[in-house]
């Protein structure tokens, strides 16, 4: 009996699914310039302001510092 909510997969569909699964990488993407983990102490008002901007505040810290570095080279 065929289940319309869960149809039987063909061999071709299974093979295609396996091929796609093997192409995907797990974990963080490999970067051209790997990031380094550091500990930094910031004033609480700076951290509060960055977090109020939404998720990704550590990325924003990196972007702000990078822009400053480029401007002052």
Protein backbone atom coordinates (compact mmCIF):
# COMPACT_ATOMS: atom_id res chain seq x y z
CA UNK A 1 0.00 0.00 0.00
CA UNK A 2 1.42 3.40 -1.06
CA UNK A 3 1.72 6.08 1.63
CA UNK A 4 1.16 9.50 -0.03
CA UNK A 5 2.77 11.32 2.92
CA UNK A 6 5.89 9.17 2.68
CA UNK A 7 6.41 7.97 -0.90
CA UNK A 8 8.98 5.31 -1.72
CA UNK A 9 12.26 6.70 -3.04
CA UNK A 10 13.77 5.42 -6.27
CA UNK A 11 17.38 4.22 -6.39
CA UNK A 12 18.24 7.34 -8.39
CA UNK A 13 16.80 9.65 -5.69
CA UNK A 14 18.73 7.81 -2.98
CA UNK A 15 21.99 8.01 -4.97
CA UNK A 16 21.47 11.73 -5.63
CA UNK A 17 20.81 12.36 -1.93
CA UNK A 18 23.97 10.51 -0.92
CA UNK A 19 26.03 12.44 -3.47
CA UNK A 20 24.73 15.77 -2.17
CA UNK A 21 25.33 14.76 1.44
CA UNK A 22 28.95 13.83 0.75
CA UNK A 23 29.59 17.23 -0.91
CA UNK A 24 28.52 19.23 2.14
CA UNK A 25 31.09 20.01 4.79
CA UNK A 26 30.24 20.18 8.44
CA UNK A 27 31.47 22.81 10.85
CA UNK A 28 32.82 26.27 10.22
CA UNK A 29 33.86 27.14 6.66
CA UNK A 30 37.58 27.22 5.89
CA UNK A 31 38.72 30.84 5.69
CA UNK A 32 41.53 32.27 3.57
CA UNK A 33 42.73 34.04 6.71
CA UNK A 34 41.87 31.88 9.72
CA UNK A 35 40.70 33.73 12.79
CA UNK A 36 42.55 33.54 16.07
CA UNK A 37 40.79 33.07 19.38
CA UNK A 38 41.68 35.80 21.86
CA UNK A 39 40.42 37.11 25.18
CA UNK A 40 39.70 40.83 25.29
CA UNK A 41 38.28 42.95 28.09
CA UNK A 42 35.81 45.63 27.01
CA UNK A 43 33.79 48.18 28.93
CA UNK A 44 30.32 46.88 29.73
CA UNK A 45 28.62 49.76 27.89
CA UNK A 46 30.46 48.85 24.69
CA UNK A 47 29.41 45.20 24.94
CA UNK A 48 25.82 46.20 25.78
CA UNK A 49 25.68 48.51 22.75
CA UNK A 50 27.10 45.84 20.44
CA UNK A 51 24.67 43.20 21.71
CA UNK A 52 21.72 45.57 21.26
CA UNK A 53 22.50 45.56 17.52
CA UNK A 54 21.44 41.90 17.38
CA UNK A 55 23.21 38.56 16.98
CA UNK A 56 26.82 38.53 15.82
CA UNK A 57 28.33 41.16 18.11
CA UNK A 58 31.75 39.47 18.02
CA UNK A 59 31.73 39.67 14.23
CA UNK A 60 30.90 43.38 14.51
CA UNK A 61 33.84 43.90 16.89
CA UNK A 62 36.07 42.29 14.26
CA UNK A 63 34.59 44.43 11.46
CA UNK A 64 35.03 47.65 13.48
CA UNK A 65 38.64 46.83 14.33
CA UNK A 66 39.37 45.80 10.75
CA UNK A 67 37.98 49.07 9.37
CA UNK A 68 40.08 51.02 11.90
CA UNK A 69 43.19 49.05 10.92
CA UNK A 70 42.67 49.69 7.19
CA UNK A 71 42.07 53.40 7.79
CA UNK A 72 45.23 53.79 9.89
CA UNK A 73 47.71 51.74 7.89
